[in-house]
Amino acid sequence: MKRPDGTHRPHFDRYDAFGNETCVWWDEDLPHREALSKAIADMKRNWHRYRREYYGGLK
């Protein structure tokens, strides 16, 4: 699962099937609107891969 977050600095959190979290930080000067647009575009472009990685971790 991937979740964009910008509460304290633009980043996204990735969670595996077991709840382990990995944070990917973006430039702290990135405006919130641009960070959200970037996150949405990334999810649209890569959702197949994220789904495969998530469910692959259950094996």
C-alpha atoms as a PDB file:
ATOM      1  CA  MET A   1       0.000   0.000   0.000  1.00  0.00           C
ATOM      2  CA  LYS A   2       1.227   3.477  -0.763  1.00  0.00           C
ATOM      3  CA  ARG A   3      -0.016   6.553   1.064  1.00  0.00           C
ATOM      4  CA  PRO A   4       0.968  10.140   0.280  1.00  0.00           C
ATOM      5  CA  ASP A   5       1.496  12.360   3.316  1.00  0.00           C
ATOM      6  CA  GLY A   6       2.430  15.993   3.672  1.00  0.00           C
ATOM      7  CA  THR A   7       1.693  16.789   7.291  1.00  0.00           C
ATOM      8  CA  HIS A   8       5.284  17.654   8.170  1.00  0.00           C
ATOM      9  CA  ARG A   9       7.166  17.269   4.869  1.00  0.00           C
ATOM     10  CA  PRO A  10       6.092  15.882   1.461  1.00  0.00           C
ATOM     11  CA  HIS A  11       6.635  12.140   1.312  1.00  0.00           C
ATOM     12  CA  PHE A  12       4.839   8.884   0.822  1.00  0.00           C
ATOM     13  CA  ASP A  13       4.672   5.862   3.060  1.00  0.00           C
ATOM     14  CA  ARG A  14       4.783   2.374   1.597  1.00  0.00           C
ATOM     15  CA  TYR A  15       3.446  -0.506   3.628  1.00  0.00           C
ATOM     16  CA  ASP A  16       4.007  -4.148   2.881  1.00  0.00           C
ATOM     17  CA  ALA A  17       1.490  -6.909   3.543  1.00  0.00           C
ATOM     18  CA  PHE A  18       2.731  -7.188   7.141  1.00  0.00           C
ATOM     19  CA  GLY A  19       2.467  -3.490   8.001  1.00  0.00           C
ATOM     20  CA  ASN A  20       6.172  -2.667   7.709  1.00  0.00           C
ATOM     21  CA  GLU A  21       6.620   0.949   6.660  1.00  0.00           C
ATOM     22  CA  THR A  22       9.120   2.578   4.305  1.00  0.00           C
ATOM     23  CA  CYS A  23       9.146   6.365   3.869  1.00  0.00           C
ATOM     24  CA  VAL A  24      10.240   8.001   0.630  1.00  0.00           C
ATOM     25  CA  TRP A  25      10.932  11.691   1.171  1.00  0.00           C
ATOM     26  CA  TRP A  26      10.585  14.369  -1.479  1.00  0.00           C
ATOM     27  CA  ASP A  27      12.203  17.793  -1.571  1.00  0.00           C
ATOM     28  CA  GLU A  28      10.929  19.677   1.456  1.00  0.00           C
ATOM     29  CA  ASP A  29      10.347  22.770  -0.704  1.00  0.00           C
ATOM     30  CA  LEU A  30       7.929  20.863  -2.951  1.00  0.00           C
ATOM     31  CA  PRO A  31       4.524  22.584  -2.679  1.00  0.00           C
ATOM     32  CA  HIS A  32       1.757  20.395  -1.243  1.00  0.00           C
ATOM     33  CA  ARG A  33      -0.344  20.632  -4.405  1.00  0.00           C
ATOM     34  CA  GLU A  34       2.583  19.474  -6.551  1.00  0.00           C
ATOM     35  CA  ALA A  35       3.412  16.654  -4.121  1.00  0.00           C
ATOM     36  CA  LEU A  36      -0.161  15.394  -4.274  1.00  0.00           C
ATOM     37  CA  SER A  37      -0.203  15.597  -8.078  1.00  0.00           C
ATOM     38  CA  LYS A  38       3.113  13.742  -8.192  1.00  0.00           C
ATOM     39  CA  ALA A  39       1.768  11.022  -5.880  1.00  0.00           C
ATOM     40  CA  ILE A  40      -1.426  10.563  -7.921  1.00  0.00           C
ATOM     41  CA  ALA A  41       0.510  10.371 -11.195  1.00  0.00           C
ATOM     42  CA  ASP A  42       2.912   7.840  -9.699  1.00  0.00           C
ATOM     43  CA  MET A  43       0.076   5.644  -8.422  1.00  0.00           C
ATOM     44  CA  LYS A  44      -1.683   5.726 -11.791  1.00  0.00           C
ATOM     45  CA  ARG A  45       1.539   4.832 -13.573  1.00  0.00           C
ATOM     46  CA  ASN A  46       2.813   2.139 -11.186  1.00  0.00           C
ATOM     47  CA  TRP A  47      -0.222   0.576  -9.478  1.00  0.00           C
ATOM     48  CA  HIS A  48       0.319  -2.789 -11.190  1.00  0.00           C
ATOM     49  CA  ARG A  49       3.830  -2.993  -9.773  1.00  0.00           C
ATOM     50  CA  TYR A  50       2.760  -1.890  -6.283  1.00  0.00           C
ATOM     51  CA  ARG A  51      -0.040  -4.457  -6.275  1.00  0.00           C
ATOM     52  CA  ARG A  52       2.321  -7.217  -7.426  1.00  0.00           C
ATOM     53  CA  GLU A  53       4.910  -6.273  -4.773  1.00  0.00           C
ATOM     54  CA  TYR A  54       2.264  -6.149  -2.047  1.00  0.00           C
ATOM     55  CA  TYR A  55       0.727  -9.519  -2.831  1.00  0.00           C
ATOM     56  CA  GLY A  56       4.120 -11.035  -3.647  1.00  0.00           C
ATOM     57  CA  GLY A  57       5.121 -10.367  -0.040  1.00  0.00           C
ATOM     58  CA  LEU A  58       2.390 -12.734   1.164  1.00  0.00           C
ATOM     59  CA  LYS A  59       4.043 -15.777  -0.428  1.00  0.00           C
END
